[in-house]
Amino acid sequence: MNEQKTIYQAIAATMRDCSAVTKDRYNKEQGYRFRGIDAVMNALYPAMTKNGIFMVPKVLDIQREERQSRKGGTLIYSTVTVEYTFYAEDGSSVTCITAGEGMDSGDKSINKAMSAAFKYAAFQTFCIPTEEMRDSEEDSPEVEPRQQAQARTTPARRAAQKATVEPVKQETLVRLEKALTGRIDTYDADYVCRWAGVENLTQLTEGQALNVLSVLERK
């Protein structure tokens, strides 16, 4: 029989046994990689069961509101505050409180908010690595002089780097507004602004606008 561990011992052991969770999933509509809740659970489950930890969630607060998109669609925006208590086999426990938010045009906004709250509770409690940690001896980079490195940078790469910070160009903004005109699904102008964290399309960077355009053109 395994010796019972206090919650502090169990969490420390779980941190040692937990594998990394990388951004292995891809959102085609918005063009970014992310870590799904399934990946977090799959990484934690073996380590938690091995070390005798289970978790009990308690929702402390739920806020829901309807938000109308610019094109007439309706989105349900939800935020939750959740208390997670982690128990060890001896009955000792620790508690953390995290918040999560989610938005959906159907009935999944609470589910998304709960998933977000759980992921952050797990990452911050167990300090789950976000990429595989390799031995430092595997990498022995040879640094070239700065001037040579700058000379190796291609015009295309320099343009891409510049696009990530420069304001959206007028011609790109016109193309984007035209591409978004008439859309009534969740991927409309309001959705794009929320994704980018801006108040309106004119505040986008050139890189963000081009990224959205590439997604819309593929669709």
Protein backbone atom coordinates (compact mmCIF):
# COMPACT_ATOMS: atom_id res chain seq x y z
CA MET A 1 0.00 0.00 0.00
CA ASN A 2 1.28 3.45 -0.88
CA GLU A 3 1.96 5.76 2.01
CA GLN A 4 -0.60 8.52 2.23
CA LYS A 5 0.73 11.94 1.22
CA THR A 6 -0.26 15.34 2.47
CA ILE A 7 -1.62 17.64 -0.23
CA TYR A 8 1.68 19.54 -0.29
CA GLN A 9 3.68 16.37 -0.92
CA ALA A 10 1.14 15.18 -3.48
CA ILE A 11 1.17 18.43 -5.44
CA ALA A 12 4.97 18.52 -5.50
CA ALA A 13 5.05 14.92 -6.74
CA THR A 14 2.39 15.66 -9.35
CA MET A 15 4.43 18.58 -10.66
CA ARG A 16 7.38 16.23 -11.13
CA ASP A 17 5.25 13.65 -12.94
CA CYS A 18 3.16 15.94 -15.12
CA SER A 19 4.09 16.14 -18.79
CA ALA A 20 4.18 19.34 -20.84
CA VAL A 21 1.06 20.68 -22.53
CA THR A 22 1.88 22.31 -25.85
CA LYS A 23 -0.30 24.28 -28.24
CA ASP A 24 -1.16 21.27 -30.37
CA ARG A 25 -4.59 22.40 -31.55
CA TYR A 26 -5.29 24.92 -34.28
CA ASN A 27 -8.20 27.33 -34.66
CA LYS A 28 -8.70 27.56 -38.42
CA GLU A 29 -11.18 30.42 -38.28
CA GLN A 30 -8.94 32.78 -36.31
CA GLY A 31 -5.61 31.30 -37.32
CA TYR A 32 -3.93 30.56 -33.98
CA ARG A 33 -2.75 27.57 -31.96
CA PHE A 34 -4.09 26.82 -28.49
CA ARG A 35 -4.08 24.31 -25.66
CA GLY A 36 -7.38 22.44 -25.33
CA ILE A 37 -8.86 21.31 -22.02
CA ASP A 38 -8.55 17.68 -23.18
CA ALA A 39 -4.77 18.05 -23.43
CA VAL A 40 -4.60 19.53 -19.92
CA MET A 41 -6.70 16.72 -18.44
CA ASN A 42 -4.74 14.04 -20.30
CA ALA A 43 -1.49 15.44 -18.92
CA LEU A 44 -2.78 15.80 -15.34
CA TYR A 45 -4.84 12.63 -14.92
CA PRO A 46 -1.98 10.09 -14.73
CA ALA A 47 0.04 12.30 -12.38
CA MET A 48 -2.92 13.11 -10.11
CA THR A 49 -4.10 9.50 -9.81
CA LYS A 50 -0.56 8.27 -9.21
CA ASN A 51 -0.12 10.72 -6.34
CA GLY A 52 -3.62 10.45 -4.88
CA ILE A 53 -5.10 13.85 -5.69
CA PHE A 54 -8.66 14.65 -6.67
CA MET A 55 -10.33 17.98 -7.27
CA VAL A 56 -13.74 19.41 -6.41
CA PRO A 57 -14.95 22.58 -8.19
CA LYS A 58 -17.41 25.05 -6.71
CA VAL A 59 -18.88 27.84 -8.84
CA LEU A 60 -18.93 31.03 -6.79
CA ASP A 61 -20.35 33.41 -9.35
CA ILE A 62 -21.82 33.41 -12.87
CA GLN A 63 -22.42 36.48 -15.00
CA ARG A 64 -24.21 36.25 -18.36
CA GLU A 65 -25.20 38.85 -20.86
CA GLU A 66 -26.30 39.05 -24.46
CA ARG A 67 -24.20 41.02 -26.89
CA GLN A 68 -25.45 41.92 -30.31
CA SER A 69 -22.97 41.91 -33.13
CA ARG A 70 -22.79 44.74 -35.62
CA LYS A 71 -24.49 42.54 -38.23
CA GLY A 72 -27.43 41.57 -36.04
CA GLY A 73 -26.21 38.28 -34.59
CA THR A 74 -26.57 37.48 -30.89
CA LEU A 75 -23.75 36.22 -28.71
CA ILE A 76 -23.97 35.00 -25.13
CA TYR A 77 -21.01 36.23 -23.06
CA SER A 78 -20.42 34.48 -19.73
CA THR A 79 -17.90 34.83 -16.93
CA VAL A 80 -17.52 32.44 -14.03
CA THR A 81 -15.59 32.52 -10.78
CA VAL A 82 -14.73 29.01 -9.62
CA GLU A 83 -13.18 27.70 -6.42
CA TYR A 84 -11.12 24.53 -6.89
CA THR A 85 -10.22 22.42 -3.86
CA PHE A 86 -7.50 19.81 -4.32
CA TYR A 87 -7.62 16.92 -1.81
CA ALA A 88 -4.95 14.38 -0.92
CA GLU A 89 -5.54 10.88 0.44
CA ASP A 90 -5.12 12.01 4.06
CA GLY A 91 -7.88 14.60 3.71
CA SER A 92 -5.59 17.63 3.58
CA SER A 93 -6.43 20.17 0.90
CA VAL A 94 -5.55 23.45 -0.75
CA THR A 95 -7.92 25.81 -2.50
CA CYS A 96 -7.52 28.22 -5.38
CA ILE A 97 -9.98 30.55 -7.08
CA THR A 98 -9.82 31.37 -10.78
CA ALA A 99 -12.02 33.14 -13.29
CA GLY A 100 -12.92 32.16 -16.83
CA GLU A 101 -14.85 33.71 -19.66
CA GLY A 102 -16.48 32.36 -22.77
CA MET A 103 -18.62 33.53 -25.65
CA ASP A 104 -20.87 31.52 -27.93
CA SER A 105 -23.79 32.03 -30.27
CA GLY A 106 -25.52 28.95 -28.82
CA ASP A 107 -25.56 27.34 -25.38
CA LYS A 108 -21.84 26.72 -24.86
CA SER A 109 -20.64 29.97 -23.28
CA ILE A 110 -20.72 28.59 -19.71
CA ASN A 111 -18.92 25.44 -20.86
CA LYS A 112 -16.19 27.55 -22.46
CA ALA A 113 -15.88 29.74 -19.37
CA MET A 114 -15.59 26.71 -17.08
CA SER A 115 -12.96 25.17 -19.35
CA ALA A 116 -10.92 28.37 -19.24
CA ALA A 117 -11.17 28.58 -15.43
CA PHE A 118 -10.06 24.96 -15.03
CA LYS A 119 -7.11 25.31 -17.41
CA TYR A 120 -5.73 28.31 -15.55
CA ALA A 121 -6.31 26.69 -12.16
CA ALA A 122 -4.38 23.63 -13.34
CA PHE A 123 -1.55 25.58 -14.97
CA GLN A 124 -1.05 27.86 -11.99
CA THR A 125 -1.43 25.23 -9.25
CA PHE A 126 0.82 22.59 -10.80
CA CYS A 127 3.05 24.93 -12.84
CA ILE A 128 2.50 22.70 -15.88
CA PRO A 129 5.25 23.27 -18.45
CA THR A 130 4.00 24.65 -21.75
CA GLU A 131 6.74 23.06 -23.85
CA GLU A 132 9.06 20.13 -23.51
CA MET A 133 12.10 21.05 -21.46
CA ARG A 134 15.32 19.75 -22.98
CA ASP A 135 18.78 19.40 -21.54
CA SER A 136 20.73 22.58 -22.07
CA GLU A 137 23.55 20.56 -23.63
CA GLU A 138 21.32 19.76 -26.59
CA ASP A 139 21.55 23.37 -27.72
CA SER A 140 24.89 25.06 -28.27
CA PRO A 141 24.03 28.02 -30.46
CA GLU A 142 26.77 29.86 -32.26
CA VAL A 143 25.95 33.53 -32.34
CA GLU A 144 26.93 35.40 -35.46
CA PRO A 145 27.78 39.11 -35.43
CA ARG A 146 24.76 41.40 -35.30
CA GLN A 147 25.52 43.04 -38.65
CA GLN A 148 25.73 39.69 -40.40
CA ALA A 149 22.48 38.54 -38.81
CA GLN A 150 20.71 41.68 -39.98
CA ALA A 151 22.09 41.20 -43.47
CA ARG A 152 20.65 37.66 -43.55
CA THR A 153 17.13 38.93 -42.77
CA THR A 154 15.10 38.74 -45.95
CA PRO A 155 12.92 41.63 -47.16
CA ALA A 156 9.85 39.41 -46.71
CA ARG A 157 10.74 38.70 -43.09
CA ARG A 158 11.42 42.36 -42.37
CA ALA A 159 8.04 43.24 -43.90
CA ALA A 160 6.28 40.60 -41.77
CA GLN A 161 7.98 41.88 -38.61
CA LYS A 162 6.99 45.44 -39.45
CA ALA A 163 3.37 44.41 -40.08
CA THR A 164 3.01 43.11 -36.53
CA VAL A 165 3.39 46.60 -35.07
CA GLU A 166 2.48 49.15 -37.74
CA PRO A 167 -1.12 50.47 -37.89
CA VAL A 168 -3.45 48.98 -40.45
CA LYS A 169 -3.09 50.54 -43.89
CA GLN A 170 -6.09 52.27 -45.42
CA GLU A 171 -6.22 49.93 -48.40
CA THR A 172 -6.05 46.89 -46.11
CA LEU A 173 -8.80 48.33 -43.91
CA VAL A 174 -11.03 48.83 -46.96
CA ARG A 175 -10.46 45.23 -48.05
CA LEU A 176 -11.23 43.96 -44.57
CA GLU A 177 -14.43 45.99 -44.17
CA LYS A 178 -15.59 44.76 -47.59
CA ALA A 179 -14.86 41.14 -46.63
CA LEU A 180 -16.83 41.52 -43.37
CA THR A 181 -19.82 43.26 -44.97
CA GLY A 182 -22.97 41.16 -44.78
CA ARG A 183 -21.60 38.56 -42.37
CA ILE A 184 -24.15 37.55 -39.74
CA ASP A 185 -22.25 34.68 -38.12
CA THR A 186 -19.95 34.94 -35.13
CA TYR A 187 -17.03 35.94 -37.32
CA ASP A 188 -18.09 39.53 -37.96
CA ALA A 189 -16.44 42.90 -37.24
CA ASP A 190 -17.33 42.82 -33.54
CA TYR A 191 -15.84 39.35 -33.22
CA VAL A 192 -12.63 40.45 -34.92
CA CYS A 193 -12.30 43.41 -32.56
CA ARG A 194 -12.77 41.22 -29.48
CA TRP A 195 -10.22 38.74 -30.80
CA ALA A 196 -7.66 41.50 -31.34
CA GLY A 197 -8.50 43.38 -28.12
CA VAL A 198 -9.36 46.65 -29.87
CA GLU A 199 -12.42 48.89 -29.91
CA ASN A 200 -12.75 49.15 -33.69
CA LEU A 201 -11.14 47.92 -36.89
CA THR A 202 -9.05 51.06 -37.34
CA GLN A 203 -7.04 50.11 -34.24
CA LEU A 204 -5.84 46.82 -35.74
CA THR A 205 -2.24 46.38 -36.76
CA GLU A 206 -1.46 45.65 -40.38
CA GLY A 207 -0.45 42.11 -39.40
CA GLN A 208 -3.73 41.44 -37.57
CA ALA A 209 -5.79 42.74 -40.46
CA LEU A 210 -3.89 40.64 -43.00
CA ASN A 211 -4.29 37.59 -40.77
CA VAL A 212 -8.06 38.04 -40.62
CA LEU A 213 -8.22 38.61 -44.37
CA SER A 214 -6.35 35.40 -45.05
CA VAL A 215 -8.85 33.47 -42.91
CA LEU A 216 -11.86 35.09 -44.59
CA GLU A 217 -10.46 34.45 -48.05
CA ARG A 218 -9.93 30.78 -47.24
CA LYS A 219 -13.53 30.56 -46.03
